[in-house]
Amino acid sequence: MSKRSQTLSLLLRHKPHILELNMDKEGWVPLQQIIERSHIFDTGAYTLEEIKNIVKTSDKQRFSISDDGLYIRCNQGHSKHLNISINSKRLSFSWNSRK
């Protein structure tokens, strides 16, 4: 897992407050917030293309992006209890690089 992927995972699982991310009760965060607020990192801001690539190449399918492409979440391992289910109000998809 790359450093950028690890950072994204940390933000979505344990520390959304670092970027003041608005996470809903199912763990969804607006992608635009990550893109706009991540410029504070030494490595620079995330781009949409970079985030999509991280999701696509995640060996353990750590992330999901909503069907409308506006939200992202980690699929598991959150510090706080979230209501994550297959019947989420935002349908999600995960890319699996292994087929």
Protein backbone atom coordinates (compact mmCIF):
# COMPACT_ATOMS: atom_id res chain seq x y z
CA MET A 1 0.00 0.00 0.00
CA SER A 2 1.42 3.38 -1.00
CA LYS A 3 1.90 6.24 1.43
CA ARG A 4 -0.91 8.17 -0.29
CA SER A 5 -3.25 5.19 0.03
CA GLN A 6 -2.30 4.82 3.71
CA THR A 7 -3.04 8.50 4.32
CA LEU A 8 -6.41 8.26 2.60
CA SER A 9 -7.25 5.19 4.68
CA LEU A 10 -6.23 6.97 7.89
CA LEU A 11 -8.43 9.96 7.03
CA LEU A 12 -11.46 7.86 6.21
CA ARG A 13 -11.11 5.30 9.01
CA HIS A 14 -9.76 7.16 11.99
CA LYS A 15 -9.05 10.86 11.53
CA PRO A 16 -11.58 12.66 9.32
CA HIS A 17 -11.21 15.64 11.66
CA ILE A 18 -7.73 16.38 10.24
CA LEU A 19 -9.40 17.79 7.10
CA GLU A 20 -12.71 18.57 8.82
CA LEU A 21 -14.43 16.02 6.59
CA ASN A 22 -18.21 15.73 6.79
CA MET A 23 -18.68 11.98 7.25
CA ASP A 24 -22.22 10.63 7.36
CA LYS A 25 -23.34 7.75 9.59
CA GLU A 26 -22.43 5.23 6.89
CA GLY A 27 -18.89 6.56 6.49
CA TRP A 28 -19.39 8.43 3.20
CA VAL A 29 -17.31 11.57 2.68
CA PRO A 30 -17.63 13.99 -0.25
CA LEU A 31 -14.69 13.44 -2.61
CA GLN A 32 -14.58 17.16 -3.31
CA GLN A 33 -13.78 17.86 0.35
CA ILE A 34 -10.74 15.59 0.23
CA ILE A 35 -9.55 17.15 -3.03
CA GLU A 36 -10.04 20.73 -1.80
CA ARG A 37 -8.66 20.28 1.71
CA SER A 38 -5.74 17.88 1.23
CA HIS A 39 -3.36 20.59 0.00
CA ILE A 40 -2.06 20.79 3.59
CA PHE A 41 -0.07 17.58 3.09
CA ASP A 42 3.61 17.72 2.19
CA THR A 43 2.88 15.54 -0.82
CA GLY A 44 0.23 17.94 -2.12
CA ALA A 45 -3.49 17.68 -2.72
CA TYR A 46 -5.19 14.54 -3.95
CA THR A 47 -6.67 14.64 -7.43
CA LEU A 48 -9.83 12.83 -8.47
CA GLU A 49 -7.80 10.65 -10.84
CA GLU A 50 -5.36 9.73 -8.06
CA ILE A 51 -8.18 8.77 -5.68
CA LYS A 52 -9.88 6.65 -8.35
CA ASN A 53 -6.56 4.91 -9.00
CA ILE A 54 -6.07 4.24 -5.28
CA VAL A 55 -9.55 2.69 -5.10
CA LYS A 56 -8.99 0.65 -8.26
CA THR A 57 -5.63 -0.75 -7.20
CA SER A 58 -6.46 -1.46 -3.55
CA ASP A 59 -5.47 -5.10 -3.08
CA LYS A 60 -8.01 -5.61 -0.30
CA GLN A 61 -10.84 -3.48 -1.71
CA ARG A 62 -10.43 -1.01 1.13
CA PHE A 63 -12.45 1.77 -0.49
CA SER A 64 -15.76 2.33 -2.27
CA ILE A 65 -16.89 5.23 -4.40
CA SER A 66 -20.62 5.97 -4.62
CA ASP A 67 -22.47 5.27 -7.87
CA ASP A 68 -22.79 9.00 -8.54
CA GLY A 69 -19.02 9.39 -8.09
CA LEU A 70 -19.39 12.10 -5.44
CA TYR A 71 -18.55 10.18 -2.25
CA ILE A 72 -15.91 7.79 -0.93
CA ARG A 73 -15.63 5.59 2.14
CA CYS A 74 -13.52 2.84 3.63
CA ASN A 75 -15.28 -0.48 3.65
CA GLN A 76 -14.04 -1.60 7.06
CA GLY A 77 -11.81 -0.87 10.05
CA HIS A 78 -13.26 2.42 11.31
CA SER A 79 -12.44 3.71 14.79
CA LYS A 80 -16.06 4.65 15.40
CA HIS A 81 -19.10 2.49 14.79
CA LEU A 82 -20.68 3.17 11.42
CA ASN A 83 -23.82 1.78 9.85
CA ILE A 84 -22.24 0.23 6.74
CA SER A 85 -24.49 -2.15 4.85
CA ILE A 86 -25.12 -3.39 1.35
CA ASN A 87 -28.43 -1.52 1.38
CA SER A 88 -26.74 1.83 1.85
CA LYS A 89 -28.62 4.90 0.62
CA ARG A 90 -25.61 5.57 -1.63
CA LEU A 91 -25.01 2.51 -3.73
CA SER A 92 -21.33 1.86 -4.06
CA PHE A 93 -18.89 0.04 -6.22
CA SER A 94 -15.36 -1.16 -5.67
CA TRP A 95 -12.81 -1.82 -8.34
CA ASN A 96 -10.92 -5.06 -8.06
CA SER A 97 -7.72 -5.23 -10.06
CA ARG A 98 -7.75 -9.03 -9.90
CA LYS A 99 -10.17 -10.72 -12.28
